[in-house]
PDB file of N, CA and C in Angstrom:
ATOM      1  N   MET A   1      13.087 -10.810 -14.412  1.00  0.00           N
ATOM      2  CA  MET A   1      12.699  -9.553 -13.820  1.00  0.00           C
ATOM      3  C   MET A   1      11.789  -9.836 -12.627  1.00  0.00           C
ATOM      4  N   LYS A   2      11.905  -9.029 -11.589  1.00  0.00           N
ATOM      5  CA  LYS A   2      11.134  -9.224 -10.377  1.00  0.00           C
ATOM      6  C   LYS A   2      10.128  -8.084 -10.237  1.00  0.00           C
ATOM      7  N   VAL A   3       8.877  -8.456  -9.905  1.00  0.00           N
ATOM      8  CA  VAL A   3       7.825  -7.459  -9.726  1.00  0.00           C
ATOM      9  C   VAL A   3       7.156  -7.659  -8.371  1.00  0.00           C
ATOM     10  N   ARG A   4       6.516  -6.599  -7.910  1.00  0.00           N
ATOM     11  CA  ARG A   4       5.776  -6.615  -6.652  1.00  0.00           C
ATOM     12  C   ARG A   4       4.314  -6.333  -6.974  1.00  0.00           C
ATOM     13  N   ILE A   5       3.400  -7.142  -6.426  1.00  0.00           N
ATOM     14  CA  ILE A   5       1.966  -6.947  -6.623  1.00  0.00           C
ATOM     15  C   ILE A   5       1.340  -6.722  -5.249  1.00  0.00           C
ATOM     16  N   TYR A   6       0.604  -5.610  -5.114  1.00  0.00           N
ATOM     17  CA  TYR A   6      -0.013  -5.284  -3.837  1.00  0.00           C
ATOM     18  C   TYR A   6      -1.288  -4.476  -4.061  1.00  0.00           C
ATOM     19  N   SER A   7      -2.099  -4.417  -3.033  1.00  0.00           N
ATOM     20  CA  SER A   7      -3.306  -3.600  -3.045  1.00  0.00           C
ATOM     21  C   SER A   7      -3.021  -2.372  -2.198  1.00  0.00           C
ATOM     22  N   PRO A   8      -3.012  -1.168  -2.788  1.00  0.00           N
ATOM     23  CA  PRO A   8      -2.628   0.010  -2.015  1.00  0.00           C
ATOM     24  C   PRO A   8      -3.675   0.365  -0.964  1.00  0.00           C
ATOM     25  N   ALA A   9      -3.212   0.872   0.156  1.00  0.00           N
ATOM     26  CA  ALA A   9      -4.104   1.336   1.214  1.00  0.00           C
ATOM     27  C   ALA A   9      -4.651   2.705   0.846  1.00  0.00           C
ATOM     28  N   LYS A  10      -5.738   3.080   1.474  1.00  0.00           N
ATOM     29  CA  LYS A  10      -6.295   4.396   1.196  1.00  0.00           C
ATOM     30  C   LYS A  10      -5.388   5.457   1.801  1.00  0.00           C
ATOM     31  N   THR A  11      -5.358   6.611   1.188  1.00  0.00           N
ATOM     32  CA  THR A  11      -4.534   7.685   1.723  1.00  0.00           C
ATOM     33  C   THR A  11      -5.224   8.277   2.939  1.00  0.00           C
ATOM     34  N   THR A  12      -4.481   8.988   3.749  1.00  0.00           N
ATOM     35  CA  THR A  12      -5.064   9.588   4.949  1.00  0.00           C
ATOM     36  C   THR A  12      -5.995  10.738   4.609  1.00  0.00           C
ATOM     37  N   MET A  13      -5.933  11.245   3.404  1.00  0.00           N
ATOM     38  CA  MET A  13      -6.797  12.346   3.004  1.00  0.00           C
ATOM     39  C   MET A  13      -8.158  11.861   2.514  1.00  0.00           C
ATOM     40  N   GLN A  14      -8.354  10.567   2.402  1.00  0.00           N
ATOM     41  CA  GLN A  14      -9.629  10.028   1.946  1.00  0.00           C
ATOM     42  C   GLN A  14     -10.455   9.571   3.129  1.00  0.00           C
ATOM     43  N   SER A  15     -11.769   9.747   3.015  1.00  0.00           N
ATOM     44  CA  SER A  15     -12.628   9.199   4.061  1.00  0.00           C
ATOM     45  C   SER A  15     -13.250   7.886   3.601  1.00  0.00           C
ATOM     46  N   GLY A  16     -13.414   7.697   2.304  1.00  0.00           N
ATOM     47  CA  GLY A  16     -14.003   6.475   1.782  1.00  0.00           C
ATOM     48  C   GLY A  16     -12.956   5.481   1.342  1.00  0.00           C
ATOM     49  N   ARG A  17     -13.419   4.312   0.918  1.00  0.00           N
ATOM     50  CA  ARG A  17     -12.504   3.255   0.478  1.00  0.00           C
ATOM     51  C   ARG A  17     -12.747   2.898  -0.980  1.00  0.00           C
ATOM     52  N   ALA A  18     -13.009   3.878  -1.829  1.00  0.00           N
ATOM     53  CA  ALA A  18     -13.398   3.624  -3.212  1.00  0.00           C
ATOM     54  C   ALA A  18     -12.265   3.020  -4.045  1.00  0.00           C
ATOM     55  N   THR A  19     -11.060   3.469  -3.888  1.00  0.00           N
ATOM     56  CA  THR A  19      -9.958   3.015  -4.742  1.00  0.00           C
ATOM     57  C   THR A  19      -9.104   1.928  -4.090  1.00  0.00           C
ATOM     58  N   THR A  20      -9.556   1.351  -2.997  1.00  0.00           N
ATOM     59  CA  THR A  20      -8.731   0.357  -2.315  1.00  0.00           C
ATOM     60  C   THR A  20      -8.878  -1.040  -2.904  1.00  0.00           C
ATOM     61  N   GLY A  21      -9.798  -1.248  -3.832  1.00  0.00           N
ATOM     62  CA  GLY A  21     -10.003  -2.572  -4.404  1.00  0.00           C
ATOM     63  C   GLY A  21      -9.095  -2.879  -5.571  1.00  0.00           C
ATOM     64  N   THR A  22      -8.296  -1.927  -6.017  1.00  0.00           N
ATOM     65  CA  THR A  22      -7.420  -2.149  -7.157  1.00  0.00           C
ATOM     66  C   THR A  22      -6.121  -2.800  -6.708  1.00  0.00           C
ATOM     67  N   TRP A  23      -5.437  -3.408  -7.666  1.00  0.00           N
ATOM     68  CA  TRP A  23      -4.139  -4.042  -7.412  1.00  0.00           C
ATOM     69  C   TRP A  23      -3.099  -3.382  -8.301  1.00  0.00           C
ATOM     70  N   VAL A  24      -1.890  -3.211  -7.781  1.00  0.00           N
ATOM     71  CA  VAL A  24      -0.818  -2.511  -8.488  1.00  0.00           C
ATOM     72  C   VAL A  24       0.340  -3.470  -8.715  1.00  0.00           C
ATOM     73  N   LEU A  25       0.851  -3.480  -9.946  1.00  0.00           N
ATOM     74  CA  LEU A  25       2.058  -4.228 -10.290  1.00  0.00           C
ATOM     75  C   LEU A  25       3.166  -3.202 -10.440  1.00  0.00           C
ATOM     76  N   GLU A  26       4.232  -3.385  -9.664  1.00  0.00           N
ATOM     77  CA  GLU A  26       5.331  -2.433  -9.631  1.00  0.00           C
ATOM     78  C   GLU A  26       6.642  -3.190  -9.825  1.00  0.00           C
ATOM     79  N   TYR A  27       7.530  -2.657 -10.620  1.00  0.00           N
ATOM     80  CA  TYR A  27       8.820  -3.297 -10.882  1.00  0.00           C
ATOM     81  C   TYR A  27       9.780  -3.051  -9.726  1.00  0.00           C
ATOM     82  N   GLU A  28      10.555  -4.062  -9.379  1.00  0.00           N
ATOM     83  CA  GLU A  28      11.599  -3.906  -8.361  1.00  0.00           C
ATOM     84  C   GLU A  28      12.763  -3.128  -8.971  1.00  0.00           C
ATOM     85  N   ILE A  29      13.456  -2.395  -8.142  1.00  0.00           N
ATOM     86  CA  ILE A  29      14.593  -1.598  -8.603  1.00  0.00           C
ATOM     87  C   ILE A  29      15.780  -2.524  -8.845  1.00  0.00           C
ATOM     88  N   GLU A  30      16.322  -2.481 -10.056  1.00  0.00           N
ATOM     89  CA  GLU A  30      17.456  -3.351 -10.391  1.00  0.00           C
ATOM     90  C   GLU A  30      18.789  -2.625 -10.314  1.00  0.00           C
ATOM     91  N   THR A  31      18.791  -1.324 -10.521  1.00  0.00           N
ATOM     92  CA  THR A  31      20.032  -0.563 -10.424  1.00  0.00           C
ATOM     93  C   THR A  31      19.987   0.282  -9.157  1.00  0.00           C
ATOM     94  N   PRO A  32      21.106   0.483  -8.510  1.00  0.00           N
ATOM     95  CA  PRO A  32      21.085   1.263  -7.262  1.00  0.00           C
ATOM     96  C   PRO A  32      20.792   2.740  -7.531  1.00  0.00           C
ATOM     97  N   ARG A  33      20.147   3.373  -6.582  1.00  0.00           N
ATOM     98  CA  ARG A  33      19.895   4.814  -6.679  1.00  0.00           C
ATOM     99  C   ARG A  33      21.130   5.550  -6.193  1.00  0.00           C
ATOM    100  N   ARG A  34      21.388   6.674  -6.822  1.00  0.00           N
ATOM    101  CA  ARG A  34      22.561   7.459  -6.459  1.00  0.00           C
ATOM    102  C   ARG A  34      22.251   8.942  -6.641  1.00  0.00           C
ATOM    103  N   PRO A  35      22.956   9.808  -5.923  1.00  0.00           N
ATOM    104  CA  PRO A  35      22.694  11.243  -6.083  1.00  0.00           C
ATOM    105  C   PRO A  35      23.230  11.759  -7.417  1.00  0.00           C
ATOM    106  N   GLU A  36      22.474  12.614  -8.008  1.00  0.00           N
ATOM    107  CA  GLU A  36      22.870  13.260  -9.265  1.00  0.00           C
ATOM    108  C   GLU A  36      24.010  14.241  -8.964  1.00  0.00           C
ATOM    109  N   PRO A  37      25.087  14.252  -9.762  1.00  0.00           N
ATOM    110  CA  PRO A  37      26.227  15.100  -9.414  1.00  0.00           C
ATOM    111  C   PRO A  37      25.934  16.607  -9.507  1.00  0.00           C
ATOM    112  N   LEU A  38      25.054  17.024 -10.420  1.00  0.00           N
ATOM    113  CA  LEU A  38      24.820  18.452 -10.610  1.00  0.00           C
ATOM    114  C   LEU A  38      23.853  19.019  -9.576  1.00  0.00           C
ATOM    115  N   MET A  39      22.679  18.413  -9.441  1.00  0.00           N
ATOM    116  CA  MET A  39      21.644  18.965  -8.569  1.00  0.00           C
ATOM    117  C   MET A  39      21.540  18.259  -7.214  1.00  0.00           C
ATOM    118  N   GLY A  40      22.067  17.044  -7.102  1.00  0.00           N
ATOM    119  CA  GLY A  40      21.986  16.305  -5.859  1.00  0.00           C
ATOM    120  C   GLY A  40      20.708  15.497  -5.709  1.00  0.00           C
ATOM    121  N   TRP A  41      19.866  15.450  -6.752  1.00  0.00           N
ATOM    122  CA  TRP A  41      18.644  14.660  -6.709  1.00  0.00           C
ATOM    123  C   TRP A  41      18.989  13.180  -6.777  1.00  0.00           C
ATOM    124  N   ILE A  42      18.155  12.352  -6.211  1.00  0.00           N
ATOM    125  CA  ILE A  42      18.354  10.908  -6.257  1.00  0.00           C
ATOM    126  C   ILE A  42      17.838  10.403  -7.598  1.00  0.00           C
ATOM    127  N   SER A  43      18.679   9.641  -8.297  1.00  0.00           N
ATOM    128  CA  SER A  43      18.283   9.144  -9.613  1.00  0.00           C
ATOM    129  C   SER A  43      18.666   7.679  -9.749  1.00  0.00           C
ATOM    130  N   SER A  44      18.147   7.080 -10.793  1.00  0.00           N
ATOM    131  CA  SER A  44      18.435   5.686 -11.074  1.00  0.00           C
ATOM    132  C   SER A  44      18.571   5.539 -12.581  1.00  0.00           C
ATOM    133  N   GLY A  45      19.359   4.574 -13.008  1.00  0.00           N
ATOM    134  CA  GLY A  45      19.515   4.336 -14.437  1.00  0.00           C
ATOM    135  C   GLY A  45      18.374   3.523 -15.022  1.00  0.00           C
ATOM    136  N   ASP A  46      17.511   2.998 -14.166  1.00  0.00           N
ATOM    137  CA  ASP A  46      16.409   2.153 -14.585  1.00  0.00           C
ATOM    138  C   ASP A  46      15.128   2.978 -14.627  1.00  0.00           C
ATOM    139  N   THR A  47      14.489   3.066 -15.782  1.00  0.00           N
ATOM    140  CA  THR A  47      13.255   3.857 -15.899  1.00  0.00           C
ATOM    141  C   THR A  47      12.010   3.046 -15.576  1.00  0.00           C
ATOM    142  N   LEU A  48      12.142   1.747 -15.359  1.00  0.00           N
ATOM    143  CA  LEU A  48      10.974   0.935 -15.049  1.00  0.00           C
ATOM    144  C   LEU A  48      10.445   1.178 -13.637  1.00  0.00           C
ATOM    145  N   ASN A  49      11.244   1.794 -12.769  1.00  0.00           N
ATOM    146  CA  ASN A  49      10.747   2.051 -11.427  1.00  0.00           C
ATOM    147  C   ASN A  49       9.691   3.151 -11.409  1.00  0.00           C
ATOM    148  N   GLN A  50       9.453   3.826 -12.535  1.00  0.00           N
ATOM    149  CA  GLN A  50       8.412   4.844 -12.642  1.00  0.00           C
ATOM    150  C   GLN A  50       7.090   4.256 -13.124  1.00  0.00           C
ATOM    151  N   VAL A  51       7.100   2.999 -13.561  1.00  0.00           N
ATOM    152  CA  VAL A  51       5.916   2.380 -14.148  1.00  0.00           C
ATOM    153  C   VAL A  51       5.129   1.636 -13.071  1.00  0.00           C
ATOM    154  N   LYS A  52       3.818   1.924 -13.014  1.00  0.00           N
ATOM    155  CA  LYS A  52       2.907   1.200 -12.123  1.00  0.00           C
ATOM    156  C   LYS A  52       1.705   0.795 -12.955  1.00  0.00           C
ATOM    157  N   LEU A  53       1.460  -0.508 -13.033  1.00  0.00           N
ATOM    158  CA  LEU A  53       0.308  -1.016 -13.765  1.00  0.00           C
ATOM    159  C   LEU A  53      -0.803  -1.328 -12.779  1.00  0.00           C
ATOM    160  N   ARG A  54      -2.022  -0.893 -13.088  1.00  0.00           N
ATOM    161  CA  ARG A  54      -3.166  -1.116 -12.200  1.00  0.00           C
ATOM    162  C   ARG A  54      -4.087  -2.175 -12.792  1.00  0.00           C
ATOM    163  N   PHE A  55      -4.578  -3.065 -11.919  1.00  0.00           N
ATOM    164  CA  PHE A  55      -5.478  -4.142 -12.315  1.00  0.00           C
ATOM    165  C   PHE A  55      -6.694  -4.140 -11.395  1.00  0.00           C
ATOM    166  N   ASP A  56      -7.796  -4.666 -11.893  1.00  0.00           N
ATOM    167  CA  ASP A  56      -9.024  -4.727 -11.104  1.00  0.00           C
ATOM    168  C   ASP A  56      -9.008  -5.852 -10.078  1.00  0.00           C
ATOM    169  N   SER A  57      -8.254  -6.907 -10.328  1.00  0.00           N
ATOM    170  CA  SER A  57      -8.218  -8.025  -9.393  1.00  0.00           C
ATOM    171  C   SER A  57      -6.797  -8.567  -9.265  1.00  0.00           C
ATOM    172  N   LYS A  58      -6.586  -9.314  -8.194  1.00  0.00           N
ATOM    173  CA  LYS A  58      -5.281  -9.923  -7.946  1.00  0.00           C
ATOM    174  C   LYS A  58      -4.967 -10.977  -8.991  1.00  0.00           C
ATOM    175  N   GLU A  59      -6.001 -11.719  -9.417  1.00  0.00           N
ATOM    176  CA  GLU A  59      -5.811 -12.781 -10.403  1.00  0.00           C
ATOM    177  C   GLU A  59      -5.350 -12.228 -11.745  1.00  0.00           C
ATOM    178  N   GLU A  60      -5.900 -11.065 -12.144  1.00  0.00           N
ATOM    179  CA  GLU A  60      -5.471 -10.443 -13.406  1.00  0.00           C
ATOM    180  C   GLU A  60      -4.004 -10.038 -13.344  1.00  0.00           C
ATOM    181  N   ALA A  61      -3.587  -9.472 -12.231  1.00  0.00           N
ATOM    182  CA  ALA A  61      -2.199  -9.047 -12.084  1.00  0.00           C
ATOM    183  C   ALA A  61      -1.254 -10.245 -12.078  1.00  0.00           C
ATOM    184  N   LEU A  62      -1.642 -11.313 -11.372  1.00  0.00           N
ATOM    185  CA  LEU A  62      -0.808 -12.519 -11.348  1.00  0.00           C
ATOM    186  C   LEU A  62      -0.730 -13.175 -12.726  1.00  0.00           C
ATOM    187  N   ALA A  63      -1.860 -13.216 -13.451  1.00  0.00           N
ATOM    188  CA  ALA A  63      -1.860 -13.808 -14.789  1.00  0.00           C
ATOM    189  C   ALA A  63      -0.966 -13.019 -15.740  1.00  0.00           C
ATOM    190  N   PHE A  64      -0.990 -11.692 -15.625  1.00  0.00           N
ATOM    191  CA  PHE A  64      -0.152 -10.851 -16.478  1.00  0.00           C
ATOM    192  C   PHE A  64       1.330 -11.104 -16.206  1.00  0.00           C
ATOM    193  N   ALA A  65       1.696 -11.182 -14.924  1.00  0.00           N
ATOM    194  CA  ALA A  65       3.101 -11.399 -14.565  1.00  0.00           C
ATOM    195  C   ALA A  65       3.563 -12.796 -14.960  1.00  0.00           C
ATOM    196  N   GLU A  66       2.707 -13.796 -14.791  1.00  0.00           N
ATOM    197  CA  GLU A  66       3.090 -15.156 -15.170  1.00  0.00           C
ATOM    198  C   GLU A  66       3.210 -15.295 -16.679  1.00  0.00           C
ATOM    199  N   LYS A  67       2.370 -14.594 -17.421  1.00  0.00           N
ATOM    200  CA  LYS A  67       2.445 -14.633 -18.881  1.00  0.00           C
ATOM    201  C   LYS A  67       3.766 -14.063 -19.381  1.00  0.00           C
ATOM    202  N   LYS A  68       4.263 -13.045 -18.678  1.00  0.00           N
ATOM    203  CA  LYS A  68       5.552 -12.438 -19.046  1.00  0.00           C
ATOM    204  C   LYS A  68       6.740 -13.222 -18.502  1.00  0.00           C
ATOM    205  N   GLY A  69       6.497 -14.145 -17.551  1.00  0.00           N
ATOM    206  CA  GLY A  69       7.582 -14.943 -16.989  1.00  0.00           C
ATOM    207  C   GLY A  69       8.359 -14.235 -15.900  1.00  0.00           C
ATOM    208  N   TRP A  70       7.732 -13.337 -15.180  1.00  0.00           N
ATOM    209  CA  TRP A  70       8.397 -12.572 -14.130  1.00  0.00           C
ATOM    210  C   TRP A  70       8.260 -13.255 -12.788  1.00  0.00           C
ATOM    211  N   GLN A  71       9.221 -13.003 -11.896  1.00  0.00           N
ATOM    212  CA  GLN A  71       9.143 -13.469 -10.517  1.00  0.00           C
ATOM    213  C   GLN A  71       8.240 -12.514  -9.748  1.00  0.00           C
ATOM    214  N   VAL A  72       7.289 -13.065  -9.007  1.00  0.00           N
ATOM    215  CA  VAL A  72       6.279 -12.239  -8.353  1.00  0.00           C
ATOM    216  C   VAL A  72       6.468 -12.266  -6.842  1.00  0.00           C
ATOM    217  N   ASP A  73       6.444 -11.083  -6.247  1.00  0.00           N
ATOM    218  CA  ASP A  73       6.406 -10.936  -4.795  1.00  0.00           C
ATOM    219  C   ASP A  73       5.019 -10.382  -4.460  1.00  0.00           C
ATOM    220  N   LEU A  74       4.126 -11.252  -3.982  1.00  0.00           N
ATOM    221  CA  LEU A  74       2.739 -10.881  -3.716  1.00  0.00           C
ATOM    222  C   LEU A  74       2.594 -10.442  -2.267  1.00  0.00           C
ATOM    223  N   ILE A  75       2.073  -9.245  -2.069  1.00  0.00           N
ATOM    224  CA  ILE A  75       1.859  -8.698  -0.734  1.00  0.00           C
ATOM    225  C   ILE A  75       0.358  -8.634  -0.506  1.00  0.00           C
ATOM    226  N   GLU A  76      -0.134  -9.480   0.408  1.00  0.00           N
ATOM    227  CA  GLU A  76      -1.559  -9.527   0.708  1.00  0.00           C
ATOM    228  C   GLU A  76      -1.949  -8.330   1.580  1.00  0.00           C
ATOM    229  N   PRO A  77      -3.155  -7.778   1.384  1.00  0.00           N
ATOM    230  CA  PRO A  77      -3.578  -6.652   2.231  1.00  0.00           C
ATOM    231  C   PRO A  77      -3.926  -7.119   3.642  1.00  0.00           C
ATOM    232  N   HIS A  78      -3.771  -6.221   4.594  1.00  0.00           N
ATOM    233  CA  HIS A  78      -4.113  -6.517   5.980  1.00  0.00           C
ATOM    234  C   HIS A  78      -5.618  -6.433   6.164  1.00  0.00           C
ATOM    235  N   ASP A  79      -6.122  -7.174   7.142  1.00  0.00           N
ATOM    236  CA  ASP A  79      -7.545  -7.094   7.467  1.00  0.00           C
ATOM    237  C   ASP A  79      -7.840  -5.756   8.127  1.00  0.00           C
ATOM    238  N   ARG A  80      -8.988  -5.209   7.787  1.00  0.00           N
ATOM    239  CA  ARG A  80      -9.386  -3.922   8.336  1.00  0.00           C
ATOM    240  C   ARG A  80     -10.030  -4.145   9.698  1.00  0.00           C
ATOM    241  N   ARG A  81      -9.485  -3.510  10.718  1.00  0.00           N
ATOM    242  CA  ARG A  81     -10.036  -3.612  12.065  1.00  0.00           C
ATOM    243  C   ARG A  81     -10.715  -2.302  12.418  1.00  0.00           C
ATOM    244  N   VAL A  82     -11.968  -2.371  12.799  1.00  0.00           N
ATOM    245  CA  VAL A  82     -12.722  -1.185  13.187  1.00  0.00           C
ATOM    246  C   VAL A  82     -13.037  -1.288  14.671  1.00  0.00           C
ATOM    247  N   THR A  83     -12.620  -0.304  15.430  1.00  0.00           N
ATOM    248  CA  THR A  83     -12.955  -0.267  16.846  1.00  0.00           C
ATOM    249  C   THR A  83     -14.195   0.607  16.991  1.00  0.00           C
ATOM    250  N   PRO A  84     -15.302   0.044  17.446  1.00  0.00           N
ATOM    251  CA  PRO A  84     -16.522   0.841  17.559  1.00  0.00           C
ATOM    252  C   PRO A  84     -16.370   1.903  18.639  1.00  0.00           C
ATOM    253  N   LYS A  85     -16.791   3.106  18.304  1.00  0.00           N
ATOM    254  CA  LYS A  85     -16.731   4.220  19.242  1.00  0.00           C
ATOM    255  C   LYS A  85     -18.116   4.830  19.352  1.00  0.00           C
ATOM    256  N   ASN A  86     -18.488   5.154  20.558  1.00  0.00           N
ATOM    257  CA  ASN A  86     -19.798   5.694  20.817  1.00  0.00           C
ATOM    258  C   ASN A  86     -19.628   6.939  21.687  1.00  0.00           C
ATOM    259  N   TYR A  87     -20.274   8.014  21.309  1.00  0.00           N
ATOM    260  CA  TYR A  87     -20.162   9.261  22.062  1.00  0.00           C
ATOM    261  C   TYR A  87     -20.730   9.105  23.467  1.00  0.00           C
ATOM    262  N   GLY A  88     -21.746   8.281  23.614  1.00  0.00           N
ATOM    263  CA  GLY A  88     -22.359   8.093  24.922  1.00  0.00           C
ATOM    264  C   GLY A  88     -21.449   7.414  25.925  1.00  0.00           C
ATOM    265  N   ASP A  89     -20.414   6.692  25.449  1.00  0.00           N
ATOM    266  CA  ASP A  89     -19.478   6.036  26.363  1.00  0.00           C
ATOM    267  C   ASP A  89     -18.661   7.039  27.169  1.00  0.00           C
ATOM    268  N   ASN A  90     -18.566   8.279  26.715  1.00  0.00           N
ATOM    269  CA  ASN A  90     -17.838   9.298  27.473  1.00  0.00           C
ATOM    270  C   ASN A  90     -18.546   9.633  28.781  1.00  0.00           C
ATOM    271  N   PHE A  91     -19.839   9.375  28.868  1.00  0.00           N
ATOM    272  CA  PHE A  91     -20.626   9.769  30.025  1.00  0.00           C
ATOM    273  C   PHE A  91     -21.153   8.571  30.822  1.00  0.00           C
ATOM    274  N   ARG A  92     -20.579   7.387  30.611  1.00  0.00           N
ATOM    275  CA  ARG A  92     -21.003   6.200  31.353  1.00  0.00           C
ATOM    276  C   ARG A  92     -20.633   6.330  32.817  1.00  0.00           C
ATOM    277  N   THR A  93     -21.488   5.821  33.684  1.00  0.00           N
ATOM    278  CA  THR A  93     -21.199   5.884  35.109  1.00  0.00           C
ATOM    279  C   THR A  93     -20.817   4.522  35.675  1.00  0.00           C
ATOM    280  N   ASP A  94     -20.937   3.469  34.891  1.00  0.00           N
ATOM    281  CA  ASP A  94     -20.655   2.129  35.412  1.00  0.00           C
ATOM    282  C   ASP A  94     -19.227   1.670  35.164  1.00  0.00           C
ATOM    283  N   ARG A  95     -18.360   2.499  34.616  1.00  0.00           N
ATOM    284  CA  ARG A  95     -16.978   2.084  34.394  1.00  0.00           C
ATOM    285  C   ARG A  95     -16.132   2.434  35.618  1.00  0.00           C
ATOM    286  N   PRO A  96     -15.025   1.728  35.834  1.00  0.00           N
ATOM    287  CA  PRO A  96     -14.199   1.992  37.015  1.00  0.00           C
ATOM    288  C   PRO A  96     -13.489   3.341  36.903  1.00  0.00           C
ATOM    289  N   ARG A  97     -13.386   3.990  38.032  1.00  0.00           N
ATOM    290  CA  ARG A  97     -12.721   5.305  38.063  1.00  0.00           C
ATOM    291  C   ARG A  97     -11.218   5.110  38.224  1.00  0.00           C
ATOM    292  N   ILE A  98     -10.459   5.962  37.571  1.00  0.00           N
ATOM    293  CA  ILE A  98      -9.002   5.927  37.645  1.00  0.00           C
ATOM    294  C   ILE A  98      -8.551   7.248  38.267  1.00  0.00           C
ATOM    295  N   GLY A  99      -7.729   7.171  39.257  1.00  0.00           N
ATOM    296  CA  GLY A  99      -7.217   8.399  39.906  1.00  0.00           C
ATOM    297  C   GLY A  99      -8.007   8.744  41.152  1.00  0.00           C
ATOM    298  N   ARG A 100      -7.869   9.957  41.634  1.00  0.00           N
ATOM    299  CA  ARG A 100      -8.483  10.390  42.883  1.00  0.00           C
ATOM    300  C   ARG A 100      -9.854  11.038  42.677  1.00  0.00           C
ATOM    301  N   PHE A 101     -10.297  11.243  41.521  1.00  0.00           N
ATOM    302  CA  PHE A 101     -11.513  12.023  41.279  1.00  0.00           C
ATOM    303  C   PHE A 101     -12.756  11.283  41.566  1.00  0.00           C
TER     304      PHE A 101
END
């Protein structure tokens, strides 16, 4: 069985980063998804794609997957880049002018 382990990014509705330190183990889809004939909803014969296991650290998630003998696809989180912004920079006079103004 193949699993994916990743650290989820914060949602756009959050201002803080409280839940970004957790790691999620998610099963890869083994059966293809197909539309349901009656309602047209997308369904799968595999119910494991609904299961998400949460861990406090990457090592715990890897140890759990290795103990079960699963193939692991580890996705490392990206580095957070913060561009400093200052309100006073809007009124600087020493920057080059662009245009005719």
